[in-house]
Protein backbone atom coordinates (compact mmCIF):
# COMPACT_ATOMS: atom_id res chain seq x y z
CA UNK A 1 12.12 15.46 7.07
CA UNK A 2 11.03 12.06 5.36
CA UNK A 3 13.76 10.25 6.54
CA UNK A 4 13.66 11.64 9.99
CA UNK A 5 9.86 10.50 10.53
CA UNK A 6 10.41 7.04 8.76
CA UNK A 7 13.27 6.36 10.60
CA UNK A 8 11.80 7.41 14.04
CA UNK A 9 8.34 5.57 12.98
CA UNK A 10 10.78 2.14 12.69
CA UNK A 11 11.77 2.83 16.16
CA UNK A 12 8.63 3.83 17.81
CA UNK A 13 7.12 0.44 16.34
CA UNK A 14 9.85 -1.51 17.78
CA UNK A 15 8.32 0.11 21.04
CA UNK A 16 5.26 -1.10 19.85
CA UNK A 17 3.56 1.93 19.18
CA UNK A 18 1.32 2.40 15.85
CA UNK A 19 -0.56 5.42 16.03
CA UNK A 20 1.50 8.09 15.58
CA UNK A 21 2.86 7.07 12.31
CA UNK A 22 -0.63 5.98 11.30
CA UNK A 23 -2.26 9.26 12.22
CA UNK A 24 0.76 11.63 10.98
CA UNK A 25 0.03 11.05 7.07
CA UNK A 26 -3.11 12.80 7.38
CA UNK A 27 -1.27 16.04 8.53
CA UNK A 28 0.39 16.42 5.08
CA UNK A 29 -3.39 16.12 3.88
CA UNK A 30 -4.56 18.54 5.72
CA UNK A 31 -1.65 20.89 4.71
CA UNK A 32 -2.73 20.64 1.54
CA UNK A 33 -6.32 21.37 1.83
CA UNK A 34 -5.83 24.34 3.68
CA UNK A 35 -2.98 25.23 1.09
CA UNK A 36 -5.86 25.18 -1.47
CA UNK A 37 -8.53 26.44 0.13
CA UNK A 38 -6.14 29.52 0.88
CA UNK A 39 -5.34 29.62 -2.49
CA UNK A 40 -8.81 29.24 -3.71
CA UNK A 41 -9.09 32.21 -6.35
CA UNK A 42 -5.46 32.96 -6.80
CA UNK A 43 -3.59 32.25 -10.41
CA UNK A 44 -2.79 28.68 -11.30
CA UNK A 45 1.26 29.48 -10.55
CA UNK A 46 0.71 30.77 -7.30
CA UNK A 47 -1.53 28.00 -6.05
CA UNK A 48 1.36 25.72 -6.84
CA UNK A 49 3.28 27.76 -5.03
CA UNK A 50 0.81 27.61 -1.90
CA UNK A 51 1.06 23.55 -2.29
CA UNK A 52 5.01 23.37 -2.07
CA UNK A 53 4.70 25.54 0.42
CA UNK A 54 1.77 23.19 1.91
CA UNK A 55 3.76 19.88 1.54
CA UNK A 56 7.10 21.55 3.26
CA UNK A 57 4.74 22.40 6.37
CA UNK A 58 2.85 18.97 6.33
CA UNK A 59 6.67 17.32 6.65
CA UNK A 60 7.41 19.64 9.40
CA UNK A 61 4.21 18.82 10.99
CA UNK A 62 4.80 15.05 10.87
CA UNK A 63 8.25 15.71 12.46
CA UNK A 64 6.74 17.39 15.06
CA UNK A 65 4.86 14.90 15.95
CA UNK A 66 6.93 11.84 15.54
CA UNK A 67 9.39 13.82 18.23
CA UNK A 68 6.44 14.53 20.95
CA UNK A 69 5.98 10.35 20.69
CA UNK A 70 9.46 9.78 20.88
CA UNK A 71 10.08 11.21 23.51
CA UNK A 72 7.08 9.86 25.26
CA UNK A 73 8.29 6.29 24.52
CA UNK A 74 12.11 7.39 25.86
CA UNK A 75 13.51 6.88 21.94
CA UNK A 76 15.21 9.88 21.67
CA UNK A 77 17.18 9.02 25.05
CA UNK A 78 18.27 5.77 23.95
CA UNK A 79 19.53 7.61 20.79
CA UNK A 80 21.39 10.31 22.76
CA UNK A 81 22.76 7.15 24.95
CA UNK A 82 23.57 5.37 22.13
CA UNK A 83 25.23 8.33 20.63
CA UNK A 84 27.28 8.23 23.47
CA UNK A 85 28.42 4.94 24.07
CA UNK A 86 31.54 3.81 23.26
CA UNK A 87 30.61 0.13 22.60
CA UNK A 88 30.62 -0.56 18.82
CA UNK A 89 27.87 -1.74 17.62
CA UNK A 90 27.80 -4.94 15.04
CA UNK A 91 25.78 -3.71 11.86
CA UNK A 92 27.02 -6.43 9.38
CA UNK A 93 23.29 -7.84 9.28
CA UNK A 94 22.24 -3.81 8.07
CA UNK A 95 24.96 -3.66 5.54
CA UNK A 96 23.91 -7.01 4.42
CA UNK A 97 20.51 -6.28 3.96
CA UNK A 98 20.22 -2.79 2.98
CA UNK A 99 20.57 -3.37 -1.09
CA UNK A 100 18.48 -6.04 -1.33
CA UNK A 101 15.85 -4.25 0.99
CA UNK A 102 16.14 -1.10 -0.74
CA UNK A 103 15.70 -3.09 -4.21
CA UNK A 104 12.62 -5.42 -2.64
CA UNK A 105 10.63 -2.25 -1.63
CA UNK A 106 11.25 0.30 -4.64
CA UNK A 107 9.69 -1.62 -7.17
CA UNK A 108 6.20 -0.74 -6.81
CA UNK A 109 7.40 3.37 -7.53
CA UNK A 110 9.83 1.74 -10.25
CA UNK A 111 6.51 0.32 -11.88
CA UNK A 112 4.44 3.57 -11.70
CA UNK A 113 7.01 5.42 -13.13
CA UNK A 114 7.27 3.33 -16.37
CA UNK A 115 3.58 3.28 -16.39
CA UNK A 116 3.05 6.96 -16.19
CA UNK A 117 5.81 7.39 -18.74
CA UNK A 118 3.86 5.08 -21.08
CA UNK A 119 0.58 6.79 -20.47
CA UNK A 120 1.97 9.51 -22.24
CA UNK A 121 2.22 8.25 -25.71
CA UNK A 122 -1.77 7.03 -24.94
CA UNK A 123 -4.46 9.53 -25.35
CA UNK A 124 -5.22 12.75 -23.52
CA UNK A 125 -6.19 12.06 -19.79
CA UNK A 126 -4.26 8.57 -19.68
CA UNK A 127 -2.56 9.54 -17.16
CA UNK A 128 -4.95 11.03 -14.52
CA UNK A 129 -7.21 7.74 -15.33
CA UNK A 130 -4.17 5.85 -13.41
CA UNK A 131 -3.54 8.72 -10.86
CA UNK A 132 -7.19 8.74 -9.95
CA UNK A 133 -7.91 5.02 -10.26
CA UNK A 134 -4.40 4.08 -8.34
CA UNK A 135 -5.60 6.14 -5.77
CA UNK A 136 -8.78 4.52 -4.97
CA UNK A 137 -6.87 1.31 -5.26
CA UNK A 138 -4.30 2.73 -2.76
CA UNK A 139 -7.01 3.26 0.15
CA UNK A 140 -8.06 -0.21 1.14
CA UNK A 141 -4.34 -1.43 0.03
CA UNK A 142 -2.90 1.22 2.36
CA UNK A 143 -5.95 0.94 5.26
CA UNK A 144 -5.95 -3.28 5.56
CA UNK A 145 -2.35 -4.44 4.10
CA UNK A 146 0.00 -2.16 4.69
CA UNK A 147 -1.67 -1.42 8.28
CA UNK A 148 -1.99 -4.95 8.85
CA UNK A 149 1.89 -6.17 8.17
CA UNK A 150 3.26 -3.14 9.66
CA UNK A 151 1.99 -4.36 12.83
CA UNK A 152 2.32 -7.75 12.57
CA UNK A 153 5.88 -7.32 11.42
CA UNK A 154 7.32 -6.71 15.23
CA UNK A 155 5.63 -9.57 16.46
CA UNK A 156 6.76 -12.21 13.86
CA UNK A 157 10.07 -11.04 14.22
CA UNK A 158 10.06 -11.37 18.19
CA UNK A 159 8.63 -14.54 18.23
CA UNK A 160 11.05 -16.22 15.26
CA UNK A 161 14.15 -14.46 17.34
CA UNK A 162 12.47 -16.04 20.73
CA UNK A 163 12.68 -19.33 18.55
CA UNK A 164 8.67 -19.31 19.09
CA UNK A 165 7.54 -20.72 15.47
CA UNK A 166 4.54 -21.91 16.22
CA UNK A 167 3.42 -18.81 17.49
CA UNK A 168 4.65 -16.92 14.71
CA UNK A 169 2.57 -19.32 12.08
CA UNK A 170 -0.66 -19.17 14.39
CA UNK A 171 -0.26 -15.17 14.06
CA UNK A 172 0.15 -15.15 10.31
CA UNK A 173 -2.94 -17.75 9.84
CA UNK A 174 -5.32 -15.63 11.93
CA UNK A 175 -4.35 -12.42 10.52
CA UNK A 176 -4.27 -13.61 7.15
CA UNK A 177 -8.09 -14.55 7.19
CA UNK A 178 -9.34 -11.03 8.87
CA UNK A 179 -6.95 -9.32 6.00
CA UNK A 180 -8.21 -11.84 3.18
CA UNK A 181 -12.20 -10.65 4.33
CA UNK A 182 -11.39 -7.36 4.19
CA UNK A 183 -9.73 -7.61 0.63
CA UNK A 184 -12.23 -9.23 -0.60
CA UNK A 185 -15.02 -6.98 0.49
CA UNK A 186 -13.33 -4.39 -0.51
CA UNK A 187 -12.90 -5.82 -3.89
CA UNK A 188 -16.24 -6.77 -4.88
CA UNK A 189 -17.64 -3.22 -3.86
CA UNK A 190 -15.08 -1.40 -5.70
CA UNK A 191 -15.45 -3.43 -8.62
CA UNK A 192 -19.20 -3.63 -8.69
CA UNK A 193 -19.50 0.33 -7.79
CA UNK A 194 -16.74 1.51 -9.22
CA UNK A 195 -18.58 3.86 -11.69
CA UNK A 196 -20.72 5.03 -9.34
CA UNK A 197 -17.60 5.85 -7.12
CA UNK A 198 -15.70 7.55 -9.72
CA UNK A 199 -18.63 9.66 -10.67
CA UNK A 200 -19.45 10.81 -6.76
CA UNK A 201 -15.73 11.31 -6.28
CA UNK A 202 -14.52 13.23 -9.34
CA UNK A 203 -17.14 13.68 -12.18
CA UNK A 204 -17.58 17.56 -11.68
CA UNK A 205 -15.44 20.40 -13.31
CA UNK A 206 -13.32 19.91 -16.15
CA UNK A 207 -14.02 15.97 -15.52
CA UNK A 208 -16.63 14.92 -17.50
CA UNK A 209 -18.68 11.54 -18.32
CA UNK A 210 -16.26 10.24 -20.80
CA UNK A 211 -13.61 10.21 -17.81
CA UNK A 212 -15.62 8.38 -15.56
CA UNK A 213 -16.22 5.43 -17.66
CA UNK A 214 -12.48 5.75 -18.39
CA UNK A 215 -11.17 5.65 -15.10
CA UNK A 216 -14.36 3.49 -13.67
CA UNK A 217 -12.72 0.35 -15.74
CA UNK A 218 -9.33 1.28 -14.67
CA UNK A 219 -10.33 0.85 -11.23
CA UNK A 220 -11.53 -2.31 -11.83
CA UNK A 221 -8.00 -3.60 -13.75
CA UNK A 222 -6.30 -2.79 -10.61
CA UNK A 223 -8.75 -3.91 -8.12
CA UNK A 224 -7.73 -7.41 -9.88
CA UNK A 225 -4.92 -7.49 -8.01
CA UNK A 226 -5.77 -5.97 -4.81
CA UNK A 227 -6.03 -9.66 -3.21
CA UNK A 228 -2.69 -10.55 -4.51
CA UNK A 229 -0.80 -7.32 -3.57
CA UNK A 230 -2.21 -7.61 -0.20
CA UNK A 231 -1.93 -10.78 1.16
CA UNK A 232 1.81 -10.56 -0.53
CA UNK A 233 2.62 -7.59 1.91
CA UNK A 234 1.38 -10.10 4.52
CA UNK A 235 4.12 -12.35 3.65
CA UNK A 236 7.04 -10.78 2.59
CA UNK A 237 7.08 -9.29 6.05
CA UNK A 238 7.74 -13.08 7.36
CA UNK A 239 10.40 -13.51 4.56
CA UNK A 240 11.92 -9.85 5.89
CA UNK A 241 11.62 -11.35 9.18
CA UNK A 242 12.97 -14.34 8.33
CA UNK A 243 16.40 -12.57 6.99
CA UNK A 244 15.45 -13.26 3.47
CA UNK A 245 15.77 -9.86 2.28
CA UNK A 246 17.94 -10.83 -1.11
CA UNK A 247 15.26 -13.31 -1.74
CA UNK A 248 12.26 -11.01 -1.59
CA UNK A 249 14.58 -8.58 -3.88
CA UNK A 250 15.19 -11.16 -6.30
CA UNK A 251 10.83 -11.78 -6.36
CA UNK A 252 9.96 -7.79 -6.34
CA UNK A 253 12.72 -7.79 -9.05
CA UNK A 254 11.05 -10.59 -11.18
CA UNK A 255 7.57 -9.15 -10.47
CA UNK A 256 8.26 -5.53 -12.16
CA UNK A 257 9.70 -7.42 -15.14
CA UNK A 258 6.69 -9.08 -15.66
CA UNK A 259 4.68 -5.91 -14.85
CA UNK A 260 6.94 -4.34 -17.53
CA UNK A 261 6.26 -6.84 -20.72
CA UNK A 262 2.88 -7.39 -19.74
CA UNK A 263 2.57 -3.55 -19.64
CA UNK A 264 4.27 -3.20 -23.60
CA UNK A 265 2.33 -6.19 -24.90
CA UNK A 266 -1.05 -4.84 -23.44
CA UNK A 267 -0.36 -1.32 -24.08
CA UNK A 268 -1.35 -1.67 -27.86
CA UNK A 269 -4.94 -3.65 -27.61
CA UNK A 270 -5.80 -2.21 -24.51
CA UNK A 271 -4.40 1.10 -24.08
CA UNK A 272 -4.54 2.29 -20.79
CA UNK A 273 -6.91 -0.52 -19.33
CA UNK A 274 -3.79 -2.64 -20.32
CA UNK A 275 -1.58 -0.90 -17.89
CA UNK A 276 -3.30 -1.21 -15.12
CA UNK A 277 -4.10 -5.50 -15.94
CA UNK A 278 -0.61 -5.78 -16.40
CA UNK A 279 0.07 -4.15 -12.58
CA UNK A 280 -2.43 -6.63 -11.45
CA UNK A 281 -0.87 -9.12 -13.05
CA UNK A 282 2.57 -8.52 -11.89
CA UNK A 283 1.09 -8.76 -8.44
CA UNK A 284 -0.06 -11.77 -8.90
CA UNK A 285 2.77 -13.33 -10.14
CA UNK A 286 4.63 -11.77 -7.05
CA UNK A 287 2.04 -13.29 -4.45
CA UNK A 288 3.44 -17.02 -6.08
CA UNK A 289 6.57 -16.54 -5.81
CA UNK A 290 6.35 -15.20 -2.19
CA UNK A 291 4.33 -18.14 -1.34
CA UNK A 292 5.90 -20.63 -2.99
CA UNK A 293 9.09 -19.18 -0.54
CA UNK A 294 7.29 -19.37 2.40
CA UNK A 295 6.16 -22.77 1.77
CA UNK A 296 2.72 -24.00 -0.70
CA UNK A 297 2.40 -26.72 1.95
CA UNK A 298 2.57 -24.39 4.62
CA UNK A 299 0.38 -21.72 3.22
CA UNK A 300 -2.48 -24.95 2.71
CA UNK A 301 -2.37 -25.62 6.65
CA UNK A 302 -4.38 -21.70 6.62
CA UNK A 303 -7.29 -23.48 5.03
CA UNK A 304 -9.62 -24.73 7.69
CA UNK A 305 -13.36 -25.59 6.96
CA UNK A 306 -14.61 -22.92 9.11
CA UNK A 307 -12.53 -20.28 7.60
CA UNK A 308 -13.31 -21.41 3.97
CA UNK A 309 -16.96 -21.52 4.96
CA UNK A 310 -16.73 -17.95 6.53
CA UNK A 311 -14.97 -16.65 2.91
CA UNK A 312 -17.89 -18.09 1.22
CA UNK A 313 -20.29 -16.32 3.30
CA UNK A 314 -17.87 -13.19 3.31
CA UNK A 315 -18.24 -13.21 -0.40
CA UNK A 316 -22.06 -13.41 -0.56
CA UNK A 317 -22.23 -10.36 2.28
CA UNK A 318 -20.12 -8.14 0.14
CA UNK A 319 -22.55 -8.73 -3.00
CA UNK A 320 -25.20 -7.75 -1.45
CA UNK A 321 -23.43 -5.25 0.31
CA UNK A 322 -21.80 -3.82 -2.56
CA UNK A 323 -25.63 -3.70 -5.08
CA UNK A 324 -26.81 -1.39 -1.58
CA UNK A 325 -23.49 0.65 -1.71
CA UNK A 326 -24.19 1.31 -5.34
CA UNK A 327 -28.00 2.39 -4.98
CA UNK A 328 -27.00 4.66 -2.09
CA UNK A 329 -24.61 5.99 -4.34
CA UNK A 330 -26.93 6.98 -6.75
CA UNK A 331 -29.70 8.38 -4.65
CA UNK A 332 -27.03 10.86 -3.15
CA UNK A 333 -25.87 11.68 -6.94
């Protein structure tokens, strides 16, 4: 079901339709929430079964909405006609980029797996601290960085294929600053209000004040890497659009190696905090290497005086917003 959804989502993105894919992920969450509500007072073993079926039902729901959208945008018809066509398609480019794309897009999952494994050697609860903090890190990352790069990628690809490099560059520059401002705001708010956010969301039941202390610091370590990770999504899209899949894969592999080295080095002095910080360091390396491939000279052209002024203004507004947000949470608590 994940494959069907991902495949149809790619075709719908080519048709410049993003809403269905963006919304469909909520269906899995809704399914899991309903499963939890239905199994609230049941034994733990049965709750696990309910959640398992919730995952399946959520997957089916995502497939259904994508099939409806695919039919509306005539994607299914194209697939059917393509299946009947006797004309052979040239998939040599696909074969060439397939394995590098797998490597380049799987490093985040490999890194998360290694961090989880290393956390098993630490005090009880370390895996949970990483998980809760990483979920909060992923929220602005998905809302801003992934969403932006997903929408921008087809446009950049089309402009480059049509020989309109200047338009592709201008689109990237405008999106870069919007994304940068959003990531700055999210980073400042999360770092200043980390403890209050964790306390509001998770401090109840078995989650104690001590757990809040640990998780809030882990969140800060993760948020240090939000800006480089987020901006990297934008520039890595450019690498993929220019068919530099192998280069992007090598950069991801180097970043993963750096992450692993720092995870092992920092786990002893900083414990669980070191694992989160190592992830942020890996993100910085990833962003720098991607920028190097994109071209530092081209990147410098993004920095016009008015944008730098807006950046300073956004930082100041973000600090004020973070303080107000922090006081609001304290009032709610």
